[in-house]
N, C-alpha and C. Protein backbone atom coordinates (compact mmCIF):
# COMPACT_ATOMS: atom_id res chain seq x y z
N MET A 1 119.53 96.85 92.82
CA MET A 1 118.32 97.51 92.05
C MET A 1 117.14 97.55 92.78
N MET A 2 116.46 98.71 92.90
CA MET A 2 115.31 98.98 93.37
C MET A 2 114.00 98.53 93.27
N PHE A 3 113.55 98.12 91.80
CA PHE A 3 112.69 97.55 91.17
C PHE A 3 112.88 96.21 90.34
N ALA A 4 113.51 95.27 91.20
CA ALA A 4 113.84 94.01 90.39
C ALA A 4 112.67 93.20 90.10
N ASN A 5 111.70 93.22 90.94
CA ASN A 5 110.66 92.31 90.74
C ASN A 5 109.26 93.45 90.63
N LYS A 6 109.08 93.69 89.50
CA LYS A 6 108.01 94.90 88.98
C LYS A 6 106.67 93.98 88.39
N THR A 7 105.49 94.73 88.83
CA THR A 7 104.52 94.33 88.44
C THR A 7 103.50 95.71 88.21
N ARG A 8 102.75 95.75 87.00
CA ARG A 8 102.18 96.88 86.41
C ARG A 8 100.83 97.04 86.86
N VAL A 9 100.42 97.95 87.19
CA VAL A 9 99.04 98.09 87.71
C VAL A 9 98.27 99.49 86.98
N LEU A 10 96.89 99.26 86.70
CA LEU A 10 96.19 100.01 86.22
C LEU A 10 95.40 100.64 87.24
N LEU A 11 95.58 101.93 87.61
CA LEU A 11 94.56 102.68 88.61
C LEU A 11 93.72 103.52 87.83
N VAL A 12 92.55 103.95 88.22
CA VAL A 12 91.44 104.63 88.04
C VAL A 12 91.12 105.48 89.10
N LEU A 13 91.56 106.90 88.97
CA LEU A 13 91.25 107.79 89.85
C LEU A 13 90.86 109.02 89.68
N PRO A 14 89.85 109.47 90.62
CA PRO A 14 89.24 110.87 90.27
C PRO A 14 90.21 111.99 89.98
N GLN A 15 89.88 112.65 89.26
CA GLN A 15 90.78 114.00 88.68
C GLN A 15 91.21 114.55 89.72
N ASP A 16 90.56 114.97 90.81
CA ASP A 16 90.90 115.93 91.83
C ASP A 16 91.79 115.21 92.55
N LEU A 17 91.82 113.88 92.78
CA LEU A 17 92.88 113.00 93.58
C LEU A 17 94.15 113.13 92.83
N VAL A 18 94.08 113.08 91.35
CA VAL A 18 95.38 113.10 90.77
C VAL A 18 95.96 114.69 90.78
N ASP A 19 95.00 115.54 90.83
CA ASP A 19 95.70 116.85 90.95
C ASP A 19 96.16 117.51 92.31
N ARG A 20 95.62 116.74 93.27
CA ARG A 20 96.24 116.98 94.63
C ARG A 20 97.82 116.27 94.60
N THR A 21 98.01 115.00 94.02
CA THR A 21 98.77 114.23 93.89
C THR A 21 100.03 115.05 93.29
N ARG A 22 99.49 115.73 92.24
CA ARG A 22 100.38 116.37 91.32
C ARG A 22 100.99 117.52 92.23
N VAL A 23 100.08 118.16 92.95
CA VAL A 23 100.39 119.22 93.69
C VAL A 23 101.63 118.85 94.88
N LEU A 24 101.54 117.73 95.28
CA LEU A 24 102.38 117.09 96.15
C LEU A 24 103.91 116.80 95.65
N ALA A 25 103.66 116.15 94.36
CA ALA A 25 104.86 115.86 93.66
C ALA A 25 105.69 117.16 93.20
N GLY A 26 104.86 118.53 92.99
CA GLY A 26 105.75 119.54 92.89
C GLY A 26 106.30 120.17 93.86
N LYS A 27 105.63 120.16 95.40
CA LYS A 27 106.03 120.44 96.64
C LYS A 27 107.27 119.79 96.71
N ALA A 28 107.25 118.50 96.56
CA ALA A 28 108.34 117.53 96.93
C ALA A 28 109.50 117.88 95.98
N THR A 29 109.40 118.34 94.80
CA THR A 29 110.43 118.73 93.69
C THR A 29 111.17 119.80 94.33
N THR A 30 110.13 121.02 94.45
CA THR A 30 110.77 122.06 95.18
C THR A 30 111.35 121.94 96.50
N THR A 31 110.95 121.31 97.58
CA THR A 31 111.62 120.90 98.92
C THR A 31 112.95 120.27 98.54
N LEU A 32 112.98 118.93 97.97
CA LEU A 32 114.21 118.21 97.92
C LEU A 32 114.90 118.60 96.82
N LYS A 33 114.37 119.44 96.00
CA LYS A 33 115.49 120.08 94.80
C LYS A 33 115.74 118.68 93.97
N LEU A 34 114.86 117.76 93.65
CA LEU A 34 114.96 116.58 92.91
C LEU A 34 113.80 116.35 92.09
N PRO A 35 113.79 115.87 90.79
CA PRO A 35 112.57 115.69 90.16
C PRO A 35 111.45 114.44 90.98
N VAL A 36 110.42 114.97 91.01
CA VAL A 36 109.57 113.80 91.57
C VAL A 36 108.42 113.79 90.90
N SER A 37 107.93 112.42 90.49
CA SER A 37 107.04 112.42 89.42
C SER A 37 105.63 111.71 90.27
N LEU A 38 104.54 111.79 89.59
CA LEU A 38 103.36 111.40 90.04
C LEU A 38 103.43 110.00 90.53
N GLN A 39 104.36 109.16 89.53
CA GLN A 39 104.32 107.63 90.11
C GLN A 39 105.15 107.75 91.48
N ILE A 40 106.17 108.36 91.57
CA ILE A 40 106.83 108.30 92.77
C ILE A 40 106.03 108.65 93.97
N VAL A 41 105.25 109.69 93.96
CA VAL A 41 104.32 110.13 95.04
C VAL A 41 103.27 109.07 95.21
N LEU A 42 102.67 108.52 94.26
CA LEU A 42 101.82 107.23 94.46
C LEU A 42 102.19 106.17 94.92
N ARG A 43 103.53 105.81 94.72
CA ARG A 43 104.35 104.58 95.62
C ARG A 43 104.28 105.01 96.75
N ALA A 44 104.97 106.22 97.16
CA ALA A 44 105.37 106.45 98.51
C ALA A 44 103.87 106.44 99.28
N LEU A 45 102.82 107.03 98.69
CA LEU A 45 101.41 106.96 99.54
C LEU A 45 101.09 105.83 99.74
N ILE A 46 101.22 104.88 98.84
CA ILE A 46 100.69 103.37 98.95
C ILE A 46 101.53 102.79 100.01
N GLU A 47 103.06 102.99 99.95
CA GLU A 47 103.84 102.28 101.04
C GLU A 47 103.61 102.92 102.48
N GLU A 48 103.44 104.17 102.45
CA GLU A 48 103.02 104.86 103.79
C GLU A 48 101.58 104.16 104.28
N GLY A 49 100.80 103.91 103.52
CA GLY A 49 99.29 103.71 103.90
C GLY A 49 99.42 102.02 104.22
N LEU A 50 100.21 101.37 103.92
CA LEU A 50 100.29 100.16 104.13
C LEU A 50 100.90 99.62 105.49
N LYS A 51 101.56 100.74 106.10
CA LYS A 51 102.42 100.79 107.09
C LYS A 51 101.19 101.01 108.32
N ARG A 52 100.03 101.68 107.72
CA ARG A 52 98.90 101.93 108.76
C ARG A 52 97.80 101.17 108.54
N ASP A 53 98.20 99.82 108.68
CA ASP A 53 97.15 98.64 108.42
C ASP A 53 96.31 98.86 109.68
N GLY A 54 96.60 99.01 110.85
CA GLY A 54 95.62 99.32 112.14
C GLY A 54 94.94 100.61 112.24
N ASP A 55 95.08 101.34 111.30
CA ASP A 55 94.84 102.71 111.52
C ASP A 55 93.15 102.65 111.12
N ARG A 56 92.15 103.14 112.16
CA ARG A 56 90.96 103.04 111.78
C ARG A 56 90.42 104.12 110.36
N ASN A 57 91.14 105.04 110.24
CA ASN A 57 90.60 105.90 109.27
C ASN A 57 91.06 105.44 107.96
N LEU A 58 91.93 104.72 107.79
CA LEU A 58 92.49 103.91 106.78
C LEU A 58 91.59 102.79 106.30
N LEU A 59 91.15 101.97 107.22
CA LEU A 59 89.91 100.81 106.93
C LEU A 59 88.67 101.56 106.88
N ALA A 60 88.39 102.58 107.27
CA ALA A 60 87.15 103.34 106.82
C ALA A 60 87.25 103.83 105.58
N ASN A 61 88.30 104.33 104.88
CA ASN A 61 88.57 104.79 103.75
C ASN A 61 88.37 103.46 102.71
N VAL A 62 88.87 102.35 103.11
CA VAL A 62 88.88 101.13 102.28
C VAL A 62 87.44 100.70 102.18
N GLU A 63 86.89 100.73 103.24
CA GLU A 63 85.51 100.32 103.25
C GLU A 63 84.60 100.98 102.17
N GLY A 64 84.85 102.57 102.26
CA GLY A 64 84.18 103.31 101.41
C GLY A 64 84.33 103.06 99.99
N GLN A 65 85.71 102.94 99.69
CA GLN A 65 85.92 102.80 98.40
C GLN A 65 85.38 101.37 98.04
N ALA A 66 85.26 100.42 98.65
CA ALA A 66 84.66 99.03 98.38
C ALA A 66 83.17 99.37 98.27
N LYS A 67 82.50 99.98 98.92
CA LYS A 67 81.08 100.22 98.84
C LYS A 67 80.80 100.97 97.57
N ALA A 68 81.76 101.98 97.47
CA ALA A 68 81.40 102.73 96.17
C ALA A 68 81.34 101.79 94.98
N VAL A 69 82.54 101.14 94.76
CA VAL A 69 82.85 99.72 93.54
C VAL A 69 81.51 99.20 93.65
N ARG A 70 81.13 98.51 94.64
CA ARG A 70 80.01 97.68 94.53
C ARG A 70 78.81 98.44 93.96
N HIS A 71 78.47 99.45 94.43
CA HIS A 71 77.30 100.47 94.17
C HIS A 71 77.24 100.70 92.52
N ILE A 72 78.51 101.09 92.17
CA ILE A 72 78.76 101.28 90.70
C ILE A 72 78.36 99.88 89.74
N ARG A 73 79.11 98.69 90.33
CA ARG A 73 78.85 97.67 89.67
C ARG A 73 77.35 97.16 89.41
N ARG A 74 76.49 97.28 90.60
CA ARG A 74 75.39 96.96 90.73
C ARG A 74 74.39 97.80 89.80
N VAL A 75 74.81 99.06 89.85
CA VAL A 75 73.93 100.00 89.12
C VAL A 75 74.00 99.73 87.40
N ALA A 76 75.51 99.40 87.20
CA ALA A 76 75.49 98.88 85.84
C ALA A 76 75.03 97.60 85.28
N ARG A 77 74.93 96.68 86.36
CA ARG A 77 74.29 95.55 86.08
C ARG A 77 72.48 95.72 86.03
N GLN A 78 72.05 96.58 86.75
CA GLN A 78 70.38 96.74 86.82
C GLN A 78 70.36 97.46 85.38
N ALA A 79 71.27 98.33 84.76
CA ALA A 79 70.84 99.17 83.64
C ALA A 79 71.10 98.01 82.55
N GLY A 80 72.06 97.06 82.56
CA GLY A 80 72.31 96.11 81.60
C GLY A 80 70.92 95.08 81.51
N ARG A 81 70.41 94.87 82.54
CA ARG A 81 69.16 94.13 82.58
C ARG A 81 68.21 94.71 82.02
N ALA A 82 67.91 95.94 82.28
CA ALA A 82 66.89 96.97 81.69
C ALA A 82 66.79 96.93 80.14
N GLU A 83 68.05 96.94 79.68
CA GLU A 83 68.26 96.89 78.17
C GLU A 83 68.23 95.64 77.73
N GLY A 84 68.10 94.60 78.52
CA GLY A 84 68.01 93.45 77.75
C GLY A 84 69.35 92.76 77.47
N GLU A 85 70.53 93.42 77.89
CA GLU A 85 71.87 92.74 77.48
C GLU A 85 72.13 91.80 78.47
N ALA A 86 72.80 90.58 77.91
CA ALA A 86 73.43 89.60 78.50
C ALA A 86 74.86 89.66 79.18
N GLY A 87 74.89 89.66 80.52
CA GLY A 87 76.38 89.97 80.98
C GLY A 87 76.77 89.18 81.91
N ASP A 88 77.88 89.20 82.40
CA ASP A 88 78.41 88.44 83.51
C ASP A 88 77.76 88.93 84.89
N ARG A 89 77.09 88.05 85.60
CA ARG A 89 76.44 88.58 86.66
C ARG A 89 77.33 89.37 87.68
N ARG A 90 78.48 88.71 87.81
CA ARG A 90 79.42 89.17 89.01
C ARG A 90 80.08 90.48 88.62
N SER A 91 80.57 90.82 87.26
CA SER A 91 81.20 91.75 87.09
C SER A 91 80.55 92.88 86.08
N GLY A 92 79.50 92.63 85.39
CA GLY A 92 78.92 93.73 84.55
C GLY A 92 79.42 93.52 83.52
N ILE A 93 80.61 92.76 83.00
CA ILE A 93 81.24 92.77 81.83
C ILE A 93 80.30 92.18 80.79
N GLN A 94 80.45 92.59 79.43
CA GLN A 94 79.41 91.84 78.39
C GLN A 94 80.25 90.84 78.18
N ARG A 95 79.63 89.62 77.64
CA ARG A 95 80.15 88.50 77.29
C ARG A 95 80.22 88.34 75.84
N GLN A 96 81.30 88.17 75.20
CA GLN A 96 81.49 88.30 73.76
C GLN A 96 81.41 86.70 73.50
N PRO A 97 80.58 86.43 72.08
CA PRO A 97 80.37 85.20 71.81
C PRO A 97 81.67 84.54 71.43
N ASN A 98 81.84 83.16 71.65
CA ASN A 98 82.97 82.65 71.28
C ASN A 98 83.44 82.33 69.98
N SER A 99 84.06 81.44 69.57
CA SER A 99 84.49 81.25 68.23
C SER A 99 83.35 80.17 67.68
N ARG A 100 82.99 79.08 68.67
CA ARG A 100 82.30 78.11 68.43
C ARG A 100 80.69 78.55 68.12
N GLU A 101 80.44 79.51 68.65
CA GLU A 101 79.22 80.25 68.65
C GLU A 101 78.90 81.14 67.55
N GLN A 102 80.20 81.92 67.06
CA GLN A 102 80.23 82.55 65.64
C GLN A 102 80.06 81.89 64.59
N GLN A 103 80.82 80.44 64.70
CA GLN A 103 80.58 79.52 63.29
C GLN A 103 79.44 79.04 63.36
N GLY A 104 78.42 78.76 64.37
CA GLY A 104 77.23 78.26 64.28
C GLY A 104 76.28 79.42 64.03
N ARG A 105 76.67 80.57 64.11
CA ARG A 105 75.68 81.66 63.50
C ARG A 105 75.93 81.70 62.03
N ARG A 106 77.32 81.51 61.48
CA ARG A 106 77.54 81.82 60.16
C ARG A 106 76.85 80.50 59.11
N LYS A 107 76.60 79.46 60.00
CA LYS A 107 76.28 78.28 58.99
C LYS A 107 74.84 78.41 58.87
């Protein structure tokens, strides 16, 4: 069995990247005369990319992705502070009151 040990992952990707991946899936389907899905192409790209762990271009891309995420989170945190929202400092996620805090408000 190929996928005996599976884990699900949610990926948020730019639309142009998804479109390019779909084009690759279409070309692979035509060339191989087999149905090739977006998921199959993404798995293959990840697997091939991991084989290039010493590649400078791959590392530069990882660095760019990491810096972009850091920037997005920083901007979201600053916007939250400007609006007076209480959030988690590390992730920018809004904190929900727990059940004890909600009970205290009801009394």
